[in-house]
Protein backbone atom coordinates (compact mmCIF):
# COMPACT_ATOMS: atom_id res chain seq x y z
CA UNK A 1 114.67 102.14 86.40
CA UNK A 2 115.96 98.56 86.30
CA UNK A 3 113.35 97.24 83.90
CA UNK A 4 112.45 94.19 86.00
CA UNK A 5 109.25 92.62 84.61
CA UNK A 6 106.13 93.43 86.63
CA UNK A 7 105.45 89.73 87.27
CA UNK A 8 108.43 89.81 89.67
CA UNK A 9 107.15 92.80 91.64
CA UNK A 10 106.32 90.55 94.61
CA UNK A 11 110.00 89.61 94.91
CA UNK A 12 111.18 93.20 94.50
CA UNK A 13 108.72 94.32 97.17
CA UNK A 14 109.85 91.55 99.53
CA UNK A 15 113.51 92.38 98.91
CA UNK A 16 112.99 96.07 99.77
CA UNK A 17 110.57 95.50 102.65
CA UNK A 18 112.68 92.87 104.40
CA UNK A 19 115.85 94.92 103.98
CA UNK A 20 114.29 98.05 105.45
CA UNK A 21 112.61 96.22 108.33
CA UNK A 22 115.81 94.40 109.26
CA UNK A 23 117.82 97.63 109.05
CA UNK A 24 115.51 99.33 111.55
CA UNK A 25 115.40 96.30 113.89
CA UNK A 26 119.20 95.91 113.79
CA UNK A 27 119.66 99.62 114.54
CA UNK A 28 117.36 99.36 117.56
CA UNK A 29 119.19 96.25 118.81
CA UNK A 30 122.58 97.91 118.25
CA UNK A 31 121.68 101.23 119.88
CA UNK A 32 123.32 100.37 123.24
CA UNK A 33 126.66 100.26 121.39
CA UNK A 34 126.28 103.80 120.03
CA UNK A 35 128.64 105.28 122.61
CA UNK A 36 131.31 102.60 122.32
CA UNK A 37 132.17 103.19 118.67
CA UNK A 38 131.09 99.69 117.65
CA UNK A 39 127.59 100.61 116.51
CA UNK A 40 128.19 100.54 112.75
CA UNK A 41 130.04 97.21 112.76
CA UNK A 42 127.49 95.55 115.04
CA UNK A 43 124.57 97.05 113.11
CA UNK A 44 125.98 95.87 109.78
CA UNK A 45 126.47 92.31 110.97
CA UNK A 46 123.09 92.19 112.70
CA UNK A 47 121.36 93.63 109.62
CA UNK A 48 122.99 91.20 107.19
CA UNK A 49 122.27 88.15 109.34
CA UNK A 50 118.65 89.10 110.02
CA UNK A 51 118.02 90.08 106.39
CA UNK A 52 119.36 86.78 105.08
CA UNK A 53 116.97 84.97 107.41
CA UNK A 54 113.95 87.23 106.85
CA UNK A 55 114.04 87.56 103.06
CA UNK A 56 112.77 84.01 102.39
CA UNK A 57 110.21 84.34 105.18
CA UNK A 58 108.82 87.54 103.68
CA UNK A 59 108.80 86.17 100.13
CA UNK A 60 106.91 83.03 101.10
CA UNK A 61 104.68 84.47 103.84
CA UNK A 62 103.45 87.56 101.96
CA UNK A 63 101.07 85.72 99.61
CA UNK A 64 99.59 83.77 102.53
CA UNK A 65 99.20 86.94 104.59
CA UNK A 66 97.60 88.73 101.62
CA UNK A 67 95.05 85.92 101.18
CA UNK A 68 94.33 85.89 104.92
CA UNK A 69 93.81 89.67 104.94
CA UNK A 70 91.50 89.39 101.93
CA UNK A 71 89.50 86.67 103.71
CA UNK A 72 89.14 88.83 106.83
CA UNK A 73 87.97 91.95 104.99
CA UNK A 74 85.28 92.83 102.49
CA UNK A 75 84.76 95.20 99.60
CA UNK A 76 83.04 98.46 100.52
C-alpha cells in the first residue's frame, strides 16, 4: 500500500469517508439530470464542491463524535 504511518489513519479514514459520502449525495442530487446528458458534469462539480467543504468537517468532528458515542455506550 502507500505506507502512510498508522498515526495518520484518522485522516486517511476521513479522506475516504467524506469522499464516498459526498459522491453518493452528489449523485442523488444530480439524478434529475440523468436524461439530459449533463449528469456527469453536474455530479463532478457537486461532488468536488461538497467534498472540499465536508473534508474538514469530518476530520474535526470525528474525534468529538467518537468521544460522544463512547460516553453514551458502555462495555459489555
